[in-house]
Amino acid sequence: MAAVEKRTFSLPAEQASYIDSLVATGAFASASEVVRAGLRALQERDDAVERWLREDVAQAYDALQREPERAIPAEEVSAALRQRYTDRLKAERGA
């Protein structure tokens, strides 16, 4: 393991209780392990968002810059979403 730096944090009672319950059930050996696991999950999520931005969003942006006529006006998207939502509500009420 890399060098360890000690930190002190304040947590709401609900989060502290959650950490304590994870340790009490044996899911983690210590509160520090719980926090490290949470930070790893946060890093993985941030990495996934960065990958998505780089690989998908940037490519879509570049494609629209090359061919702006491919863009769909926001008003059309909004109207289509409203209609889809309305249709779904009607279907659920009829079911």
PDB file of N, CA and C in Angstrom:
ATOM      1  N   MET A   1       0.844  -1.178   0.000  1.00  0.00           N
ATOM      2  CA  MET A   1       0.000   0.000   0.000  1.00  0.00           C
ATOM      3  C   MET A   1       0.889   1.242   0.000  1.00  0.00           C
ATOM      4  N   ALA A   2       0.428   2.274  -0.627  1.00  0.00           N
ATOM      5  CA  ALA A   2       1.168   3.527  -0.690  1.00  0.00           C
ATOM      6  C   ALA A   2       1.240   4.161   0.696  1.00  0.00           C
ATOM      7  N   ALA A   3       2.032   5.198   0.803  1.00  0.00           N
ATOM      8  CA  ALA A   3       2.152   5.915   2.080  1.00  0.00           C
ATOM      9  C   ALA A   3       0.757   6.360   2.538  1.00  0.00           C
ATOM     10  N   VAL A   4       0.538   6.304   3.818  1.00  0.00           N
ATOM     11  CA  VAL A   4      -0.769   6.625   4.380  1.00  0.00           C
ATOM     12  C   VAL A   4      -0.726   8.010   4.998  1.00  0.00           C
ATOM     13  N   GLU A   5      -1.711   8.811   4.676  1.00  0.00           N
ATOM     14  CA  GLU A   5      -1.864  10.126   5.297  1.00  0.00           C
ATOM     15  C   GLU A   5      -3.121  10.093   6.145  1.00  0.00           C
ATOM     16  N   LYS A   6      -3.008  10.539   7.364  1.00  0.00           N
ATOM     17  CA  LYS A   6      -4.169  10.563   8.253  1.00  0.00           C
ATOM     18  C   LYS A   6      -4.970  11.834   8.001  1.00  0.00           C
ATOM     19  N   ARG A   7      -6.286  11.674   8.004  1.00  0.00           N
ATOM     20  CA  ARG A   7      -7.215  12.792   7.818  1.00  0.00           C
ATOM     21  C   ARG A   7      -8.310  12.681   8.862  1.00  0.00           C
ATOM     22  N   THR A   8      -8.912  13.790   9.178  1.00  0.00           N
ATOM     23  CA  THR A   8     -10.046  13.805  10.086  1.00  0.00           C
ATOM     24  C   THR A   8     -11.219  14.429   9.353  1.00  0.00           C
ATOM     25  N   PHE A   9     -12.359  13.754   9.406  1.00  0.00           N
ATOM     26  CA  PHE A   9     -13.547  14.235   8.716  1.00  0.00           C
ATOM     27  C   PHE A   9     -14.730  14.252   9.662  1.00  0.00           C
ATOM     28  N   SER A  10     -15.639  15.152   9.379  1.00  0.00           N
ATOM     29  CA  SER A  10     -16.913  15.187  10.099  1.00  0.00           C
ATOM     30  C   SER A  10     -17.983  14.651   9.159  1.00  0.00           C
ATOM     31  N   LEU A  11     -18.829  13.764   9.666  1.00  0.00           N
ATOM     32  CA  LEU A  11     -19.888  13.168   8.864  1.00  0.00           C
ATOM     33  C   LEU A  11     -21.222  13.328   9.568  1.00  0.00           C
ATOM     34  N   PRO A  12     -22.295  13.406   8.797  1.00  0.00           N
ATOM     35  CA  PRO A  12     -23.615  13.385   9.428  1.00  0.00           C
ATOM     36  C   PRO A  12     -23.803  12.037  10.133  1.00  0.00           C
ATOM     37  N   ALA A  13     -24.630  12.028  11.153  1.00  0.00           N
ATOM     38  CA  ALA A  13     -24.854  10.809  11.953  1.00  0.00           C
ATOM     39  C   ALA A  13     -25.295   9.638  11.081  1.00  0.00           C
ATOM     40  N   GLU A  14     -26.121   9.887  10.090  1.00  0.00           N
ATOM     41  CA  GLU A  14     -26.610   8.811   9.218  1.00  0.00           C
ATOM     42  C   GLU A  14     -25.455   8.134   8.465  1.00  0.00           C
ATOM     43  N   GLN A  15     -24.520   8.928   7.944  1.00  0.00           N
ATOM     44  CA  GLN A  15     -23.385   8.347   7.234  1.00  0.00           C
ATOM     45  C   GLN A  15     -22.442   7.626   8.184  1.00  0.00           C
ATOM     46  N   ALA A  16     -22.230   8.180   9.350  1.00  0.00           N
ATOM     47  CA  ALA A  16     -21.376   7.522  10.344  1.00  0.00           C
ATOM     48  C   ALA A  16     -21.987   6.193  10.765  1.00  0.00           C
ATOM     49  N   SER A  17     -23.294   6.161  10.959  1.00  0.00           N
ATOM     50  CA  SER A  17     -23.977   4.911  11.327  1.00  0.00           C
ATOM     51  C   SER A  17     -23.868   3.885  10.213  1.00  0.00           C
ATOM     52  N   TYR A  18     -23.963   4.342   8.973  1.00  0.00           N
ATOM     53  CA  TYR A  18     -23.850   3.432   7.840  1.00  0.00           C
ATOM     54  C   TYR A  18     -22.458   2.793   7.817  1.00  0.00           C
ATOM     55  N   ILE A  19     -21.427   3.607   8.003  1.00  0.00           N
ATOM     56  CA  ILE A  19     -20.062   3.078   8.058  1.00  0.00           C
ATOM     57  C   ILE A  19     -19.942   2.065   9.194  1.00  0.00           C
ATOM     58  N   ASP A  20     -20.451   2.419  10.366  1.00  0.00           N
ATOM     59  CA  ASP A  20     -20.381   1.510  11.520  1.00  0.00           C
ATOM     60  C   ASP A  20     -21.093   0.191  11.241  1.00  0.00           C
ATOM     61  N   SER A  21     -22.236   0.261  10.542  1.00  0.00           N
ATOM     62  CA  SER A  21     -22.969  -0.974  10.258  1.00  0.00           C
ATOM     63  C   SER A  21     -22.214  -1.855   9.264  1.00  0.00           C
ATOM     64  N   LEU A  22     -21.529  -1.252   8.302  1.00  0.00           N
ATOM     65  CA  LEU A  22     -20.735  -2.032   7.352  1.00  0.00           C
ATOM     66  C   LEU A  22     -19.576  -2.740   8.052  1.00  0.00           C
ATOM     67  N   VAL A  23     -18.982  -2.065   9.012  1.00  0.00           N
ATOM     68  CA  VAL A  23     -17.890  -2.680   9.779  1.00  0.00           C
ATOM     69  C   VAL A  23     -18.462  -3.757  10.702  1.00  0.00           C
ATOM     70  N   ALA A  24     -19.586  -3.478  11.362  1.00  0.00           N
ATOM     71  CA  ALA A  24     -20.184  -4.429  12.302  1.00  0.00           C
ATOM     72  C   ALA A  24     -20.612  -5.727  11.615  1.00  0.00           C
ATOM     73  N   THR A  25     -21.076  -5.637  10.375  1.00  0.00           N
ATOM     74  CA  THR A  25     -21.503  -6.848   9.666  1.00  0.00           C
ATOM     75  C   THR A  25     -20.333  -7.622   9.084  1.00  0.00           C
ATOM     76  N   GLY A  26     -19.149  -7.041   9.144  1.00  0.00           N
ATOM     77  CA  GLY A  26     -17.972  -7.719   8.613  1.00  0.00           C
ATOM     78  C   GLY A  26     -17.716  -7.457   7.146  1.00  0.00           C
ATOM     79  N   ALA A  27     -18.519  -6.603   6.530  1.00  0.00           N
ATOM     80  CA  ALA A  27     -18.308  -6.275   5.120  1.00  0.00           C
ATOM     81  C   ALA A  27     -16.964  -5.573   4.921  1.00  0.00           C
ATOM     82  N   PHE A  28     -16.553  -4.820   5.933  1.00  0.00           N
ATOM     83  CA  PHE A  28     -15.264  -4.120   5.923  1.00  0.00           C
ATOM     84  C   PHE A  28     -14.629  -4.300   7.290  1.00  0.00           C
ATOM     85  N   ALA A  29     -13.311  -4.301   7.316  1.00  0.00           N
ATOM     86  CA  ALA A  29     -12.588  -4.492   8.580  1.00  0.00           C
ATOM     87  C   ALA A  29     -12.519  -3.217   9.409  1.00  0.00           C
ATOM     88  N   SER A  30     -12.632  -2.068   8.744  1.00  0.00           N
ATOM     89  CA  SER A  30     -12.519  -0.809   9.486  1.00  0.00           C
ATOM     90  C   SER A  30     -13.249   0.308   8.740  1.00  0.00           C
ATOM     91  N   ALA A  31     -13.466   1.399   9.455  1.00  0.00           N
ATOM     92  CA  ALA A  31     -14.085   2.567   8.839  1.00  0.00           C
ATOM     93  C   ALA A  31     -13.202   3.105   7.718  1.00  0.00           C
ATOM     94  N   SER A  32     -11.903   3.036   7.898  1.00  0.00           N
ATOM     95  CA  SER A  32     -10.985   3.504   6.859  1.00  0.00           C
ATOM     96  C   SER A  32     -11.170   2.724   5.561  1.00  0.00           C
ATOM     97  N   GLU A  33     -11.395   1.412   5.673  1.00  0.00           N
ATOM     98  CA  GLU A  33     -11.620   0.606   4.472  1.00  0.00           C
ATOM     99  C   GLU A  33     -12.903   1.030   3.759  1.00  0.00           C
ATOM    100  N   VAL A  34     -13.929   1.351   4.526  1.00  0.00           N
ATOM    101  CA  VAL A  34     -15.189   1.804   3.933  1.00  0.00           C
ATOM    102  C   VAL A  34     -14.949   3.092   3.155  1.00  0.00           C
ATOM    103  N   VAL A  35     -14.263   4.034   3.764  1.00  0.00           N
ATOM    104  CA  VAL A  35     -13.999   5.316   3.116  1.00  0.00           C
ATOM    105  C   VAL A  35     -13.148   5.117   1.868  1.00  0.00           C
ATOM    106  N   ARG A  36     -12.125   4.267   1.950  1.00  0.00           N
ATOM    107  CA  ARG A  36     -11.282   4.007   0.769  1.00  0.00           C
ATOM    108  C   ARG A  36     -12.098   3.394  -0.362  1.00  0.00           C
ATOM    109  N   ALA A  37     -12.981   2.455  -0.031  1.00  0.00           N
ATOM    110  CA  ALA A  37     -13.834   1.844  -1.056  1.00  0.00           C
ATOM    111  C   ALA A  37     -14.746   2.890  -1.696  1.00  0.00           C
ATOM    112  N   GLY A  38     -15.280   3.771  -0.871  1.00  0.00           N
ATOM    113  CA  GLY A  38     -16.129   4.842  -1.404  1.00  0.00           C
ATOM    114  C   GLY A  38     -15.365   5.773  -2.318  1.00  0.00           C
ATOM    115  N   LEU A  39     -14.154   6.104  -1.941  1.00  0.00           N
ATOM    116  CA  LEU A  39     -13.332   6.976  -2.788  1.00  0.00           C
ATOM    117  C   LEU A  39     -12.954   6.292  -4.094  1.00  0.00           C
ATOM    118  N   ARG A  40     -12.658   4.980  -4.022  1.00  0.00           N
ATOM    119  CA  ARG A  40     -12.362   4.247  -5.266  1.00  0.00           C
ATOM    120  C   ARG A  40     -13.566   4.271  -6.199  1.00  0.00           C
ATOM    121  N   ALA A  41     -14.757   4.064  -5.641  1.00  0.00           N
ATOM    122  CA  ALA A  41     -15.975   4.083  -6.455  1.00  0.00           C
ATOM    123  C   ALA A  41     -16.185   5.464  -7.075  1.00  0.00           C
ATOM    124  N   LEU A  42     -15.922   6.507  -6.319  1.00  0.00           N
ATOM    125  CA  LEU A  42     -16.045   7.874  -6.823  1.00  0.00           C
ATOM    126  C   LEU A  42     -15.044   8.130  -7.944  1.00  0.00           C
ATOM    127  N   GLN A  43     -13.811   7.653  -7.769  1.00  0.00           N
ATOM    128  CA  GLN A  43     -12.790   7.809  -8.818  1.00  0.00           C
ATOM    129  C   GLN A  43     -13.202   7.055 -10.083  1.00  0.00           C
ATOM    130  N   GLU A  44     -13.729   5.842  -9.926  1.00  0.00           N
ATOM    131  CA  GLU A  44     -14.166   5.066 -11.088  1.00  0.00           C
ATOM    132  C   GLU A  44     -15.296   5.780 -11.818  1.00  0.00           C
ATOM    133  N   ARG A  45     -16.226   6.348 -11.066  1.00  0.00           N
ATOM    134  CA  ARG A  45     -17.322   7.092 -11.693  1.00  0.00           C
ATOM    135  C   ARG A  45     -16.798   8.305 -12.446  1.00  0.00           C
ATOM    136  N   ASP A  46     -15.882   9.057 -11.814  1.00  0.00           N
ATOM    137  CA  ASP A  46     -15.306  10.229 -12.468  1.00  0.00           C
ATOM    138  C   ASP A  46     -14.539   9.839 -13.725  1.00  0.00           C
ATOM    139  N   ASP A  47     -13.803   8.730 -13.658  1.00  0.00           N
ATOM    140  CA  ASP A  47     -13.064   8.250 -14.831  1.00  0.00           C
ATOM    141  C   ASP A  47     -14.029   7.873 -15.949  1.00  0.00           C
ATOM    142  N   ALA A  48     -15.143   7.229 -15.598  1.00  0.00           N
ATOM    143  CA  ALA A  48     -16.134   6.832 -16.603  1.00  0.00           C
ATOM    144  C   ALA A  48     -16.760   8.059 -17.259  1.00  0.00           C
ATOM    145  N   VAL A  49     -17.050   9.085 -16.475  1.00  0.00           N
ATOM    146  CA  VAL A  49     -17.604  10.321 -17.030  1.00  0.00           C
ATOM    147  C   VAL A  49     -16.598  10.977 -17.965  1.00  0.00           C
ATOM    148  N   GLU A  50     -15.347  11.026 -17.549  1.00  0.00           N
ATOM    149  CA  GLU A  50     -14.301  11.613 -18.404  1.00  0.00           C
ATOM    150  C   GLU A  50     -14.172  10.852 -19.716  1.00  0.00           C
ATOM    151  N   ARG A  51     -14.198   9.504 -19.643  1.00  0.00           N
ATOM    152  CA  ARG A  51     -14.124   8.686 -20.863  1.00  0.00           C
ATOM    153  C   ARG A  51     -15.300   8.982 -21.774  1.00  0.00           C
ATOM    154  N   TRP A  52     -16.502   9.052 -21.190  1.00  0.00           N
ATOM    155  CA  TRP A  52     -17.710   9.337 -21.963  1.00  0.00           C
ATOM    156  C   TRP A  52     -17.613  10.699 -22.644  1.00  0.00           C
ATOM    157  N   LEU A  53     -17.156  11.697 -21.900  1.00  0.00           N
ATOM    158  CA  LEU A  53     -17.009  13.028 -22.494  1.00  0.00           C
ATOM    159  C   LEU A  53     -16.013  13.014 -23.644  1.00  0.00           C
ATOM    160  N   ARG A  54     -14.898  12.354 -23.431  1.00  0.00           N
ATOM    161  CA  ARG A  54     -13.832  12.308 -24.433  1.00  0.00           C
ATOM    162  C   ARG A  54     -14.228  11.485 -25.653  1.00  0.00           C
ATOM    163  N   GLU A  55     -14.822  10.314 -25.422  1.00  0.00           N
ATOM    164  CA  GLU A  55     -15.068   9.379 -26.520  1.00  0.00           C
ATOM    165  C   GLU A  55     -16.402   9.605 -27.228  1.00  0.00           C
ATOM    166  N   ASP A  56     -17.426   9.984 -26.498  1.00  0.00           N
ATOM    167  CA  ASP A  56     -18.748  10.113 -27.111  1.00  0.00           C
ATOM    168  C   ASP A  56     -19.163  11.559 -27.342  1.00  0.00           C
ATOM    169  N   VAL A  57     -19.113  12.347 -26.287  1.00  0.00           N
ATOM    170  CA  VAL A  57     -19.600  13.723 -26.396  1.00  0.00           C
ATOM    171  C   VAL A  57     -18.731  14.531 -27.340  1.00  0.00           C
ATOM    172  N   ALA A  58     -17.428  14.447 -27.202  1.00  0.00           N
ATOM    173  CA  ALA A  58     -16.537  15.228 -28.069  1.00  0.00           C
ATOM    174  C   ALA A  58     -16.706  14.818 -29.526  1.00  0.00           C
ATOM    175  N   GLN A  59     -16.868  13.521 -29.782  1.00  0.00           N
ATOM    176  CA  GLN A  59     -17.049  13.060 -31.161  1.00  0.00           C
ATOM    177  C   GLN A  59     -18.376  13.563 -31.732  1.00  0.00           C
ATOM    178  N   ALA A  60     -19.418  13.541 -30.925  1.00  0.00           N
ATOM    179  CA  ALA A  60     -20.718  14.037 -31.383  1.00  0.00           C
ATOM    180  C   ALA A  60     -20.640  15.528 -31.672  1.00  0.00           C
ATOM    181  N   TYR A  61     -19.950  16.256 -30.810  1.00  0.00           N
ATOM    182  CA  TYR A  61     -19.776  17.696 -31.021  1.00  0.00           C
ATOM    183  C   TYR A  61     -19.025  17.953 -32.319  1.00  0.00           C
ATOM    184  N   ASP A  62     -17.939  17.237 -32.517  1.00  0.00           N
ATOM    185  CA  ASP A  62     -17.151  17.407 -33.745  1.00  0.00           C
ATOM    186  C   ASP A  62     -17.980  17.079 -34.985  1.00  0.00           C
ATOM    187  N   ALA A  63     -18.793  16.025 -34.910  1.00  0.00           N
ATOM    188  CA  ALA A  63     -19.635  15.645 -36.046  1.00  0.00           C
ATOM    189  C   ALA A  63     -20.651  16.742 -36.351  1.00  0.00           C
ATOM    190  N   LEU A  64     -21.230  17.340 -35.307  1.00  0.00           N
ATOM    191  CA  LEU A  64     -22.189  18.421 -35.527  1.00  0.00           C
ATOM    192  C   LEU A  64     -21.517  19.682 -36.061  1.00  0.00           C
ATOM    193  N   GLN A  65     -20.267  19.890 -35.707  1.00  0.00           N
ATOM    194  CA  GLN A  65     -19.539  21.037 -36.255  1.00  0.00           C
ATOM    195  C   GLN A  65     -19.315  20.844 -37.752  1.00  0.00           C
ATOM    196  N   ARG A  66     -19.047  19.586 -38.156  1.00  0.00           N
ATOM    197  CA  ARG A  66     -18.830  19.293 -39.569  1.00  0.00           C
ATOM    198  C   ARG A  66     -20.132  19.333 -40.367  1.00  0.00           C
ATOM    199  N   GLU A  67     -21.223  18.865 -39.738  1.00  0.00           N
ATOM    200  CA  GLU A  67     -22.519  18.782 -40.416  1.00  0.00           C
ATOM    201  C   GLU A  67     -23.619  19.361 -39.529  1.00  0.00           C
ATOM    202  N   PRO A  68     -23.681  20.674 -39.398  1.00  0.00           N
ATOM    203  CA  PRO A  68     -24.660  21.288 -38.483  1.00  0.00           C
ATOM    204  C   PRO A  68     -26.114  20.994 -38.866  1.00  0.00           C
ATOM    205  N   GLU A  69     -26.351  20.637 -40.107  1.00  0.00           N
ATOM    206  CA  GLU A  69     -27.727  20.332 -40.522  1.00  0.00           C
ATOM    207  C   GLU A  69     -28.268  19.065 -39.857  1.00  0.00           C
ATOM    208  N   ARG A  70     -27.397  18.259 -39.252  1.00  0.00           N
ATOM    209  CA  ARG A  70     -27.830  17.055 -38.549  1.00  0.00           C
ATOM    210  C   ARG A  70     -28.477  17.367 -37.197  1.00  0.00           C
ATOM    211  N   ALA A  71     -28.266  18.564 -36.718  1.00  0.00           N
ATOM    212  CA  ALA A  71     -28.779  18.929 -35.392  1.00  0.00           C
ATOM    213  C   ALA A  71     -30.299  18.972 -35.392  1.00  0.00           C
ATOM    214  N   ILE A  72     -30.892  18.605 -34.263  1.00  0.00           N
ATOM    215  CA  ILE A  72     -32.340  18.670 -34.085  1.00  0.00           C
ATOM    216  C   ILE A  72     -32.611  19.844 -33.141  1.00  0.00           C
ATOM    217  N   PRO A  73     -33.469  20.766 -33.557  1.00  0.00           N
ATOM    218  CA  PRO A  73     -33.766  21.914 -32.690  1.00  0.00           C
ATOM    219  C   PRO A  73     -34.314  21.464 -31.331  1.00  0.00           C
ATOM    220  N   ALA A  74     -33.931  22.172 -30.305  1.00  0.00           N
ATOM    221  CA  ALA A  74     -34.347  21.836 -28.943  1.00  0.00           C
ATOM    222  C   ALA A  74     -35.866  21.791 -28.811  1.00  0.00           C
ATOM    223  N   GLU A  75     -36.569  22.666 -29.518  1.00  0.00           N
ATOM    224  CA  GLU A  75     -38.031  22.688 -29.440  1.00  0.00           C
ATOM    225  C   GLU A  75     -38.622  21.371 -29.939  1.00  0.00           C
ATOM    226  N   GLU A  76     -38.029  20.793 -30.999  1.00  0.00           N
ATOM    227  CA  GLU A  76     -38.519  19.516 -31.519  1.00  0.00           C
ATOM    228  C   GLU A  76     -38.262  18.382 -30.524  1.00  0.00           C
ATOM    229  N   VAL A  77     -37.098  18.388 -29.936  1.00  0.00           N
ATOM    230  CA  VAL A  77     -36.762  17.357 -28.951  1.00  0.00           C
ATOM    231  C   VAL A  77     -37.697  17.455 -27.762  1.00  0.00           C
ATOM    232  N   SER A  78     -37.903  18.664 -27.286  1.00  0.00           N
ATOM    233  CA  SER A  78     -38.776  18.879 -26.133  1.00  0.00           C
ATOM    234  C   SER A  78     -40.204  18.434 -26.440  1.00  0.00           C
ATOM    235  N   ALA A  79     -40.723  18.789 -27.613  1.00  0.00           N
ATOM    236  CA  ALA A  79     -42.080  18.392 -27.994  1.00  0.00           C
ATOM    237  C   ALA A  79     -42.191  16.870 -28.096  1.00  0.00           C
ATOM    238  N   ALA A  80     -41.185  16.229 -28.666  1.00  0.00           N
ATOM    239  CA  ALA A  80     -41.208  14.767 -28.790  1.00  0.00           C
ATOM    240  C   ALA A  80     -41.174  14.103 -27.424  1.00  0.00           C
ATOM    241  N   LEU A  81     -40.381  14.633 -26.505  1.00  0.00           N
ATOM    242  CA  LEU A  81     -40.317  14.072 -25.156  1.00  0.00           C
ATOM    243  C   LEU A  81     -41.638  14.254 -24.413  1.00  0.00           C
ATOM    244  N   ARG A  82     -42.243  15.435 -24.570  1.00  0.00           N
ATOM    245  CA  ARG A  82     -43.543  15.668 -23.930  1.00  0.00           C
ATOM    246  C   ARG A  82     -44.584  14.682 -24.457  1.00  0.00           C
ATOM    247  N   GLN A  83     -44.578  14.475 -25.772  1.00  0.00           N
ATOM    248  CA  GLN A  83     -45.535  13.546 -26.366  1.00  0.00           C
ATOM    249  C   GLN A  83     -45.293  12.116 -25.885  1.00  0.00           C
ATOM    250  N   ARG A  84     -44.039  11.738 -25.804  1.00  0.00           N
ATOM    251  CA  ARG A  84     -43.697  10.389 -25.335  1.00  0.00           C
ATOM    252  C   ARG A  84     -44.154  10.188 -23.889  1.00  0.00           C
ATOM    253  N   TYR A  85     -43.943  11.217 -23.067  1.00  0.00           N
ATOM    254  CA  TYR A  85     -44.364  11.147 -21.663  1.00  0.00           C
ATOM    255  C   TYR A  85     -45.889  11.031 -21.568  1.00  0.00           C
ATOM    256  N   THR A  86     -46.591  11.837 -22.354  1.00  0.00           N
ATOM    257  CA  THR A  86     -48.052  11.801 -22.361  1.00  0.00           C
ATOM    258  C   THR A  86     -48.561  10.433 -22.794  1.00  0.00           C
ATOM    259  N   ASP A  87     -47.961   9.875 -23.850  1.00  0.00           N
ATOM    260  CA  ASP A  87     -48.360   8.548 -24.337  1.00  0.00           C
ATOM    261  C   ASP A  87     -48.113   7.484 -23.261  1.00  0.00           C
ATOM    262  N   ARG A  88     -47.006   7.597 -22.559  1.00  0.00           N
ATOM    263  CA  ARG A  88     -46.687   6.612 -21.510  1.00  0.00           C
ATOM    264  C   ARG A  88     -47.700   6.692 -20.375  1.00  0.00           C
ATOM    265  N   LEU A  89     -48.059   7.927 -19.976  1.00  0.00           N
ATOM    266  CA  LEU A  89     -49.065   8.084 -18.917  1.00  0.00           C
ATOM    267  C   LEU A  89     -50.388   7.476 -19.335  1.00  0.00           C
ATOM    268  N   LYS A  90     -50.809   7.720 -20.568  1.00  0.00           N
ATOM    269  CA  LYS A  90     -52.073   7.156 -21.063  1.00  0.00           C
ATOM    270  C   LYS A  90     -52.014   5.631 -21.053  1.00  0.00           C
ATOM    271  N   ALA A  91     -50.901   5.059 -21.482  1.00  0.00           N
ATOM    272  CA  ALA A  91     -50.759   3.610 -21.520  1.00  0.00           C
ATOM    273  C   ALA A  91     -50.807   3.017 -20.115  1.00  0.00           C
ATOM    274  N   GLU A  92     -50.169   3.689 -19.152  1.00  0.00           N
ATOM    275  CA  GLU A  92     -50.175   3.183 -17.776  1.00  0.00           C
ATOM    276  C   GLU A  92     -51.564   3.255 -17.163  1.00  0.00           C
ATOM    277  N   ARG A  93     -52.298   4.284 -17.464  1.00  0.00           N
ATOM    278  CA  ARG A  93     -53.657   4.421 -16.917  1.00  0.00           C
ATOM    279  C   ARG A  93     -54.608   3.415 -17.540  1.00  0.00           C
ATOM    280  N   GLY A  94     -54.346   3.082 -18.799  1.00  0.00           N
ATOM    281  CA  GLY A  94     -55.193   2.122 -19.490  1.00  0.00           C
ATOM    282  C   GLY A  94     -54.871   0.679 -19.147  1.00  0.00           C
ATOM    283  N   ALA A  95     -53.710   0.468 -18.551  1.00  0.00           N
ATOM    284  CA  ALA A  95     -53.276  -0.924 -18.251  1.00  0.00           C
ATOM    285  C   ALA A  95     -53.920  -1.480 -17.024  1.00  0.00           C
TER     286      ALA A  95
END
